[in-house]
Every structure is written in structure tokens, then in C-alpha cells.
Amino acid sequence: MKSYANRSPFDRLRQHYERKERACVECGYVDLDARWSVTKRGHEIHYQHVCPRCDSIETHVLRYD
């Protein structure tokens, strides 16, 4: 049984993207070592992945107040 008690919801979402969103939407390359970066900008959390083949950037943004 995995424990999520010491991980933030933002970290768990990043891990979800790294497990589930590996195929590039532009070129279709499947990045088996997908690493998503997380940055905070004001009231937004940005999750980004750069395709190692075509340099396309996929972004998910969460907004909060």
C-alpha cells in the first residue's frame, strides 16, 4: 500500500502526468522518462513537459484563488 501522506496534491498531480501523459501531442513520440516541471506564477500552477524529439511544450495550468 502506497502512502500519500507526505506528498502534496501538486506533487501527486505531477507524478500522474509523468505516468500517464508520455506521448507528444505534436509528433507522437512516447517519452518513457517523461519529466514534468512545475512552476508557480501568481495564482497559477504550471505543469510543463518538453518533448525530447521535437521540443514541443505541453502545458497544463491550474488556477486558484
PDB file of N, CA and C in Angstrom:
ATOM      1  N   MET A   1       0.836  -1.185   0.000  1.00  0.00           N
ATOM      2  CA  MET A   1       0.000   0.000   0.000  1.00  0.00           C
ATOM      3  C   MET A   1       0.879   1.245   0.000  1.00  0.00           C
ATOM      4  N   LYS A   2       0.619   2.149  -0.933  1.00  0.00           N
ATOM      5  CA  LYS A   2       1.398   3.378  -1.027  1.00  0.00           C
ATOM      6  C   LYS A   2       0.853   4.419  -0.056  1.00  0.00           C
ATOM      7  N   SER A   3       1.765   5.202   0.512  1.00  0.00           N
ATOM      8  CA  SER A   3       1.363   6.281   1.411  1.00  0.00           C
ATOM      9  C   SER A   3       1.516   7.611   0.687  1.00  0.00           C
ATOM     10  N   TYR A   4       0.453   8.382   0.673  1.00  0.00           N
ATOM     11  CA  TYR A   4       0.484   9.695   0.038  1.00  0.00           C
ATOM     12  C   TYR A   4       0.507  10.817   1.071  1.00  0.00           C
ATOM     13  N   ALA A   5       0.623  10.464   2.343  1.00  0.00           N
ATOM     14  CA  ALA A   5       0.524  11.446   3.418  1.00  0.00           C
ATOM     15  C   ALA A   5       1.613  12.512   3.335  1.00  0.00           C
ATOM     16  N   ASN A   6       2.809  12.147   2.878  1.00  0.00           N
ATOM     17  CA  ASN A   6       3.901  13.115   2.868  1.00  0.00           C
ATOM     18  C   ASN A   6       4.081  13.790   1.518  1.00  0.00           C
ATOM     19  N   ARG A   7       3.165  13.603   0.577  1.00  0.00           N
ATOM     20  CA  ARG A   7       3.247  14.245  -0.738  1.00  0.00           C
ATOM     21  C   ARG A   7       2.125  15.260  -0.877  1.00  0.00           C
ATOM     22  N   SER A   8       2.465  16.402  -1.452  1.00  0.00           N
ATOM     23  CA  SER A   8       1.448  17.425  -1.664  1.00  0.00           C
ATOM     24  C   SER A   8       0.547  17.019  -2.823  1.00  0.00           C
ATOM     25  N   PRO A   9      -0.643  17.579  -2.891  1.00  0.00           N
ATOM     26  CA  PRO A   9      -1.515  17.303  -4.039  1.00  0.00           C
ATOM     27  C   PRO A   9      -0.862  17.719  -5.359  1.00  0.00           C
ATOM     28  N   PHE A  10      -0.063  18.783  -5.349  1.00  0.00           N
ATOM     29  CA  PHE A  10       0.609  19.247  -6.557  1.00  0.00           C
ATOM     30  C   PHE A  10       1.663  18.242  -7.016  1.00  0.00           C
ATOM     31  N   ASP A  11       2.385  17.656  -6.063  1.00  0.00           N
ATOM     32  CA  ASP A  11       3.379  16.640  -6.393  1.00  0.00           C
ATOM     33  C   ASP A  11       2.700  15.386  -6.924  1.00  0.00           C
ATOM     34  N   ARG A  12       1.583  15.000  -6.339  1.00  0.00           N
ATOM     35  CA  ARG A  12       0.862  13.823  -6.818  1.00  0.00           C
ATOM     36  C   ARG A  12       0.341  14.042  -8.238  1.00  0.00           C
ATOM     37  N   LEU A  13      -0.107  15.254  -8.557  1.00  0.00           N
ATOM     38  CA  LEU A  13      -0.571  15.540  -9.913  1.00  0.00           C
ATOM     39  C   LEU A  13       0.591  15.492 -10.905  1.00  0.00           C
ATOM     40  N   ARG A  14       1.745  16.019 -10.516  1.00  0.00           N
ATOM     41  CA  ARG A  14       2.936  15.941 -11.379  1.00  0.00           C
ATOM     42  C   ARG A  14       3.278  14.483 -11.654  1.00  0.00           C
ATOM     43  N   GLN A  15       3.244  13.654 -10.636  1.00  0.00           N
ATOM     44  CA  GLN A  15       3.532  12.230 -10.822  1.00  0.00           C
ATOM     45  C   GLN A  15       2.500  11.570 -11.733  1.00  0.00           C
ATOM     46  N   HIS A  16       1.255  11.986 -11.631  1.00  0.00           N
ATOM     47  CA  HIS A  16       0.216  11.463 -12.526  1.00  0.00           C
ATOM     48  C   HIS A  16       0.563  11.788 -13.980  1.00  0.00           C
ATOM     49  N   TYR A  17       0.923  13.041 -14.255  1.00  0.00           N
ATOM     50  CA  TYR A  17       1.298  13.428 -15.617  1.00  0.00           C
ATOM     51  C   TYR A  17       2.502  12.618 -16.096  1.00  0.00           C
ATOM     52  N   GLU A  18       3.480  12.411 -15.223  1.00  0.00           N
ATOM     53  CA  GLU A  18       4.676  11.658 -15.621  1.00  0.00           C
ATOM     54  C   GLU A  18       4.343  10.205 -15.948  1.00  0.00           C
ATOM     55  N   ARG A  19       3.342   9.629 -15.320  1.00  0.00           N
ATOM     56  CA  ARG A  19       2.949   8.239 -15.588  1.00  0.00           C
ATOM     57  C   ARG A  19       2.021   8.123 -16.783  1.00  0.00           C
ATOM     58  N   LYS A  20       1.102   9.078 -16.957  1.00  0.00           N
ATOM     59  CA  LYS A  20       0.020   8.924 -17.921  1.00  0.00           C
ATOM     60  C   LYS A  20       0.179   9.728 -19.208  1.00  0.00           C
ATOM     61  N   GLU A  21       0.900  10.831 -19.168  1.00  0.00           N
ATOM     62  CA  GLU A  21       0.999  11.697 -20.349  1.00  0.00           C
ATOM     63  C   GLU A  21       2.426  11.683 -20.880  1.00  0.00           C
ATOM     64  N   ARG A  22       2.729  10.650 -21.637  1.00  0.00           N
ATOM     65  CA  ARG A  22       4.081  10.462 -22.156  1.00  0.00           C
ATOM     66  C   ARG A  22       4.183  10.695 -23.654  1.00  0.00           C
ATOM     67  N   ALA A  23       3.066  10.650 -24.370  1.00  0.00           N
ATOM     68  CA  ALA A  23       3.092  10.814 -25.827  1.00  0.00           C
ATOM     69  C   ALA A  23       2.967  12.292 -26.191  1.00  0.00           C
ATOM     70  N   CYS A  24       3.846  12.748 -27.067  1.00  0.00           N
ATOM     71  CA  CYS A  24       3.828  14.135 -27.531  1.00  0.00           C
ATOM     72  C   CYS A  24       2.597  14.351 -28.417  1.00  0.00           C
ATOM     73  N   VAL A  25       1.883  15.435 -28.186  1.00  0.00           N
ATOM     74  CA  VAL A  25       0.695  15.728 -28.992  1.00  0.00           C
ATOM     75  C   VAL A  25       1.068  16.236 -30.378  1.00  0.00           C
ATOM     76  N   GLU A  26       2.288  16.702 -30.558  1.00  0.00           N
ATOM     77  CA  GLU A  26       2.727  17.223 -31.854  1.00  0.00           C
ATOM     78  C   GLU A  26       3.284  16.133 -32.771  1.00  0.00           C
ATOM     79  N   CYS A  27       4.238  15.338 -32.253  1.00  0.00           N
ATOM     80  CA  CYS A  27       4.921  14.374 -33.121  1.00  0.00           C
ATOM     81  C   CYS A  27       4.614  12.916 -32.776  1.00  0.00           C
ATOM     82  N   GLY A  28       3.960  12.670 -31.640  1.00  0.00           N
ATOM     83  CA  GLY A  28       3.599  11.316 -31.258  1.00  0.00           C
ATOM     84  C   GLY A  28       4.683  10.536 -30.535  1.00  0.00           C
ATOM     85  N   TYR A  29       5.858  11.139 -30.346  1.00  0.00           N
ATOM     86  CA  TYR A  29       6.951  10.459 -29.654  1.00  0.00           C
ATOM     87  C   TYR A  29       6.520  10.095 -28.235  1.00  0.00           C
ATOM     88  N   VAL A  30       6.811   8.865 -27.811  1.00  0.00           N
ATOM     89  CA  VAL A  30       6.483   8.420 -26.455  1.00  0.00           C
ATOM     90  C   VAL A  30       7.748   8.501 -25.605  1.00  0.00           C
ATOM     91  N   ASP A  31       7.741   9.424 -24.666  1.00  0.00           N
ATOM     92  CA  ASP A  31       8.870   9.667 -23.778  1.00  0.00           C
ATOM     93  C   ASP A  31       8.702   8.801 -22.532  1.00  0.00           C
ATOM     94  N   LEU A  32       9.424   7.689 -22.475  1.00  0.00           N
ATOM     95  CA  LEU A  32       9.288   6.768 -21.353  1.00  0.00           C
ATOM     96  C   LEU A  32       9.861   7.321 -20.055  1.00  0.00           C
ATOM     97  N   ASP A  33      10.682   8.368 -20.160  1.00  0.00           N
ATOM     98  CA  ASP A  33      11.255   9.011 -18.977  1.00  0.00           C
ATOM     99  C   ASP A  33      10.693  10.424 -18.832  1.00  0.00           C
ATOM    100  N   ALA A  34       9.417  10.566 -19.101  1.00  0.00           N
ATOM    101  CA  ALA A  34       8.775  11.890 -19.100  1.00  0.00           C
ATOM    102  C   ALA A  34       8.944  12.566 -17.746  1.00  0.00           C
ATOM    103  N   ARG A  35       9.472  13.758 -17.773  1.00  0.00           N
ATOM    104  CA  ARG A  35       9.632  14.569 -16.559  1.00  0.00           C
ATOM    105  C   ARG A  35       8.876  15.868 -16.767  1.00  0.00           C
ATOM    106  N   TRP A  36       7.981  16.154 -15.878  1.00  0.00           N
ATOM    107  CA  TRP A  36       7.192  17.371 -15.941  1.00  0.00           C
ATOM    108  C   TRP A  36       7.743  18.358 -14.922  1.00  0.00           C
ATOM    109  N   SER A  37       7.929  19.606 -15.336  1.00  0.00           N
ATOM    110  CA  SER A  37       8.363  20.645 -14.412  1.00  0.00           C
ATOM    111  C   SER A  37       7.129  21.350 -13.858  1.00  0.00           C
ATOM    112  N   VAL A  38       7.283  21.911 -12.663  1.00  0.00           N
ATOM    113  CA  VAL A  38       6.181  22.597 -12.007  1.00  0.00           C
ATOM    114  C   VAL A  38       6.673  23.976 -11.580  1.00  0.00           C
ATOM    115  N   THR A  39       5.917  25.010 -11.968  1.00  0.00           N
ATOM    116  CA  THR A  39       6.241  26.371 -11.540  1.00  0.00           C
ATOM    117  C   THR A  39       4.975  27.054 -11.069  1.00  0.00           C
ATOM    118  N   LYS A  40       5.147  27.966 -10.131  1.00  0.00           N
ATOM    119  CA  LYS A  40       4.028  28.751  -9.611  1.00  0.00           C
ATOM    120  C   LYS A  40       4.160  30.169 -10.136  1.00  0.00           C
ATOM    121  N   ARG A  41       3.069  30.694 -10.663  1.00  0.00           N
ATOM    122  CA  ARG A  41       3.034  32.072 -11.173  1.00  0.00           C
ATOM    123  C   ARG A  41       1.772  32.733 -10.662  1.00  0.00           C
ATOM    124  N   GLY A  42       1.916  33.565  -9.656  1.00  0.00           N
ATOM    125  CA  GLY A  42       0.734  34.217  -9.079  1.00  0.00           C
ATOM    126  C   GLY A  42      -0.224  33.180  -8.527  1.00  0.00           C
ATOM    127  N   HIS A  43      -1.434  33.170  -9.063  1.00  0.00           N
ATOM    128  CA  HIS A  43      -2.459  32.216  -8.629  1.00  0.00           C
ATOM    129  C   HIS A  43      -2.592  31.064  -9.615  1.00  0.00           C
ATOM    130  N   GLU A  44      -1.474  30.666 -10.205  1.00  0.00           N
ATOM    131  CA  GLU A  44      -1.479  29.563 -11.170  1.00  0.00           C
ATOM    132  C   GLU A  44      -0.324  28.602 -10.896  1.00  0.00           C
ATOM    133  N   ILE A  45      -0.588  27.335 -11.124  1.00  0.00           N
ATOM    134  CA  ILE A  45       0.451  26.312 -11.096  1.00  0.00           C
ATOM    135  C   ILE A  45       0.578  25.792 -12.527  1.00  0.00           C
ATOM    136  N   HIS A  46       1.787  25.847 -13.082  1.00  0.00           N
ATOM    137  CA  HIS A  46       2.038  25.409 -14.460  1.00  0.00           C
ATOM    138  C   HIS A  46       2.818  24.099 -14.445  1.00  0.00           C
ATOM    139  N   TYR A  47       2.276  23.096 -15.114  1.00  0.00           N
ATOM    140  CA  TYR A  47       2.936  21.813 -15.322  1.00  0.00           C
ATOM    141  C   TYR A  47       3.354  21.782 -16.785  1.00  0.00           C
ATOM    142  N   GLN A  48       4.656  21.540 -17.039  1.00  0.00           N
ATOM    143  CA  GLN A  48       5.138  21.559 -18.420  1.00  0.00           C
ATOM    144  C   GLN A  48       6.049  20.374 -18.713  1.00  0.00           C
ATOM    145  N   HIS A  49       5.931  19.901 -19.947  1.00  0.00           N
ATOM    146  CA  HIS A  49       6.807  18.842 -20.444  1.00  0.00           C
ATOM    147  C   HIS A  49       7.310  19.263 -21.818  1.00  0.00           C
ATOM    148  N   VAL A  50       8.613  19.137 -22.035  1.00  0.00           N
ATOM    149  CA  VAL A  50       9.238  19.446 -23.326  1.00  0.00           C
ATOM    150  C   VAL A  50       9.568  18.127 -24.008  1.00  0.00           C
ATOM    151  N   CYS A  51       9.060  17.953 -25.223  1.00  0.00           N
ATOM    152  CA  CYS A  51       9.320  16.732 -25.985  1.00  0.00           C
ATOM    153  C   CYS A  51      10.801  16.683 -26.365  1.00  0.00           C
ATOM    154  N   PRO A  52      11.488  15.584 -26.049  1.00  0.00           N
ATOM    155  CA  PRO A  52      12.911  15.496 -26.397  1.00  0.00           C
ATOM    156  C   PRO A  52      13.163  15.338 -27.895  1.00  0.00           C
ATOM    157  N   ARG A  53      12.142  15.004 -28.654  1.00  0.00           N
ATOM    158  CA  ARG A  53      12.324  14.830 -30.103  1.00  0.00           C
ATOM    159  C   ARG A  53      12.077  16.132 -30.862  1.00  0.00           C
ATOM    160  N   CYS A  54      10.952  16.796 -30.615  1.00  0.00           N
ATOM    161  CA  CYS A  54      10.595  17.971 -31.423  1.00  0.00           C
ATOM    162  C   CYS A  54      10.575  19.288 -30.640  1.00  0.00           C
ATOM    163  N   ASP A  55      10.883  19.253 -29.356  1.00  0.00           N
ATOM    164  CA  ASP A  55      10.921  20.437 -28.484  1.00  0.00           C
ATOM    165  C   ASP A  55       9.555  21.105 -28.291  1.00  0.00           C
ATOM    166  N   SER A  56       8.481  20.409 -28.629  1.00  0.00           N
ATOM    167  CA  SER A  56       7.139  20.929 -28.373  1.00  0.00           C
ATOM    168  C   SER A  56       6.926  20.969 -26.858  1.00  0.00           C
ATOM    169  N   ILE A  57       6.230  22.000 -26.390  1.00  0.00           N
ATOM    170  CA  ILE A  57       5.972  22.140 -24.966  1.00  0.00           C
ATOM    171  C   ILE A  57       4.493  21.906 -24.704  1.00  0.00           C
ATOM    172  N   GLU A  58       4.215  20.937 -23.847  1.00  0.00           N
ATOM    173  CA  GLU A  58       2.834  20.687 -23.419  1.00  0.00           C
ATOM    174  C   GLU A  58       2.666  21.287 -22.036  1.00  0.00           C
ATOM    175  N   THR A  59       1.581  22.015 -21.840  1.00  0.00           N
ATOM    176  CA  THR A  59       1.363  22.722 -20.582  1.00  0.00           C
ATOM    177  C   THR A  59      -0.043  22.460 -20.056  1.00  0.00           C
ATOM    178  N   HIS A  60      -0.118  22.253 -18.742  1.00  0.00           N
ATOM    179  CA  HIS A  60      -1.395  22.206 -18.034  1.00  0.00           C
ATOM    180  C   HIS A  60      -1.312  23.297 -16.980  1.00  0.00           C
ATOM    181  N   VAL A  61      -2.379  24.088 -16.846  1.00  0.00           N
ATOM    182  CA  VAL A  61      -2.391  25.189 -15.885  1.00  0.00           C
ATOM    183  C   VAL A  61      -3.556  24.993 -14.923  1.00  0.00           C
ATOM    184  N   LEU A  62      -3.245  25.082 -13.623  1.00  0.00           N
ATOM    185  CA  LEU A  62      -4.277  25.079 -12.588  1.00  0.00           C
ATOM    186  C   LEU A  62      -4.360  26.488 -12.022  1.00  0.00           C
ATOM    187  N   ARG A  63      -5.556  27.030 -11.971  1.00  0.00           N
ATOM    188  CA  ARG A  63      -5.763  28.367 -11.403  1.00  0.00           C
ATOM    189  C   ARG A  63      -6.506  28.227 -10.098  1.00  0.00           C
ATOM    190  N   TYR A  64      -6.103  29.046  -9.113  1.00  0.00           N
ATOM    191  CA  TYR A  64      -6.761  29.018  -7.817  1.00  0.00           C
ATOM    192  C   TYR A  64      -6.829  30.422  -7.247  1.00  0.00           C
ATOM    193  N   ASP A  65      -7.720  30.601  -6.310  1.00  0.00           N
ATOM    194  CA  ASP A  65      -7.868  31.905  -5.641  1.00  0.00           C
ATOM    195  C   ASP A  65      -7.610  31.779  -4.162  1.00  0.00           C
TER     196      ASP A  65
END
